[in-house]
Amino acid sequence: MKMVMITYNEALDNEVMEILGDCALKNYTKITGVFGCGTSSGTHLGTDIWPGRNNILYVACEEVVGKQIIVSVRQLRKSLGAEGVKAFLMPLEETT
């Protein structure tokens, strides 16, 4: 099993959720309105000086699906340029 974490600009929520739909995934955890700073995405602190917020999406899945998500996010990044979206594929040792 793998855990995929996708961090992305909240404006990209539809695009990211479409990736999950394309992978036939229905189970996930989404954390909305988070703040952060990234090299390619810039700073999002929800203030007048640093506007914008991010979302984080967690998906537990089989390895083949996790790799499919990574490929899809990579394609989305290519189409968006500097807009902020990044995916991380991590081992998932155990669930209950």
Protein backbone atom coordinates (compact mmCIF):
# COMPACT_ATOMS: atom_id res chain seq x y z
CA MET A 1 0.00 0.00 0.00
CA LYS A 2 0.99 3.61 -0.59
CA MET A 3 -0.07 6.98 0.76
CA VAL A 4 -0.32 9.81 -1.75
CA MET A 5 -0.27 13.37 -0.44
CA ILE A 6 -1.21 16.10 -2.90
CA THR A 7 -0.70 19.73 -1.90
CA TYR A 8 -2.26 22.28 -4.21
CA ASN A 9 -3.63 25.78 -4.61
CA GLU A 10 -7.31 25.74 -3.61
CA ALA A 11 -8.18 27.16 -7.05
CA LEU A 12 -7.17 23.78 -8.52
CA ASP A 13 -9.60 21.73 -6.46
CA ASN A 14 -11.70 20.65 -9.47
CA GLU A 15 -8.65 19.54 -11.43
CA VAL A 16 -7.24 17.52 -8.52
CA MET A 17 -10.59 15.90 -7.75
CA GLU A 18 -10.87 14.99 -11.44
CA ILE A 19 -7.58 13.09 -11.13
CA LEU A 20 -9.09 11.01 -8.32
CA GLY A 21 -12.17 10.34 -10.43
CA ASP A 22 -10.02 9.26 -13.38
CA CYS A 23 -8.27 6.79 -11.05
CA ALA A 24 -11.68 5.53 -9.79
CA LEU A 25 -10.85 6.60 -6.22
CA LYS A 26 -13.69 7.49 -3.90
CA ASN A 27 -11.94 7.42 -0.52
CA TYR A 28 -9.71 10.29 0.54
CA THR A 29 -9.07 12.84 3.27
CA LYS A 30 -9.03 16.52 2.32
CA ILE A 31 -7.73 19.32 4.51
CA THR A 32 -8.75 22.74 3.22
CA GLY A 33 -7.50 26.25 3.84
CA VAL A 34 -3.91 25.45 4.76
CA PHE A 35 -1.02 27.87 4.45
CA GLY A 36 2.49 27.38 3.16
CA CYS A 37 5.35 28.40 0.96
CA GLY A 38 6.78 26.49 -1.98
CA THR A 39 9.57 27.12 -4.44
CA SER A 40 7.35 26.82 -7.49
CA SER A 41 4.00 27.80 -5.98
CA GLY A 42 5.02 30.83 -3.93
CA THR A 43 3.69 31.87 -0.54
CA HIS A 44 0.04 31.43 0.45
CA LEU A 45 -0.81 32.76 3.89
CA GLY A 46 -4.37 34.00 3.35
CA THR A 47 -3.36 37.63 3.94
CA ASP A 48 -3.47 40.78 1.82
CA ILE A 49 0.27 40.57 1.29
CA TRP A 50 0.37 36.79 0.71
CA PRO A 51 -3.11 35.89 -0.59
CA GLY A 52 -4.37 32.42 -1.32
CA ARG A 53 -4.68 29.13 0.50
CA ASN A 54 -3.83 25.54 -0.24
CA ASN A 55 -5.52 22.19 0.20
CA ILE A 56 -3.96 18.86 1.12
CA LEU A 57 -5.40 15.59 -0.09
CA TYR A 58 -4.43 12.18 1.33
CA VAL A 59 -5.21 8.95 -0.51
CA ALA A 60 -4.36 5.41 0.69
CA CYS A 61 -4.16 3.13 -2.35
CA GLU A 62 -2.39 0.31 -4.09
CA GLU A 63 1.05 1.14 -5.50
CA VAL A 64 -0.05 1.02 -9.14
CA VAL A 65 -2.81 3.57 -8.45
CA GLY A 66 -0.40 5.78 -6.50
CA LYS A 67 1.96 5.85 -9.45
CA GLN A 68 -0.96 6.68 -11.74
CA ILE A 69 -1.81 9.66 -9.51
CA ILE A 70 1.81 10.85 -9.63
CA VAL A 71 1.81 10.69 -13.44
CA SER A 72 -1.50 12.59 -13.60
CA VAL A 73 -0.27 15.32 -11.24
CA ARG A 74 2.94 15.60 -13.27
CA GLN A 75 0.84 16.16 -16.41
CA LEU A 76 -1.28 18.75 -14.59
CA ARG A 77 1.88 20.58 -13.49
CA LYS A 78 3.09 20.71 -17.10
CA SER A 79 -0.19 22.21 -18.27
CA LEU A 80 -0.32 24.82 -15.48
CA GLY A 81 3.22 26.14 -15.49
CA ALA A 82 3.99 27.89 -12.21
CA GLU A 83 0.63 27.16 -10.55
CA GLY A 84 1.06 25.18 -7.36
CA VAL A 85 0.38 21.46 -7.25
CA LYS A 86 2.68 18.73 -6.01
CA ALA A 87 2.24 15.05 -5.18
CA PHE A 88 4.24 12.80 -2.86
CA LEU A 89 4.17 8.99 -2.89
CA MET A 90 5.00 7.42 0.48
CA PRO A 91 4.99 3.90 1.90
CA LEU A 92 1.97 2.95 3.97
CA GLU A 93 2.97 0.21 6.35
CA GLU A 94 -0.26 -0.45 8.19
CA THR A 95 -3.90 0.60 8.41
CA THR A 96 -6.62 -0.23 10.92
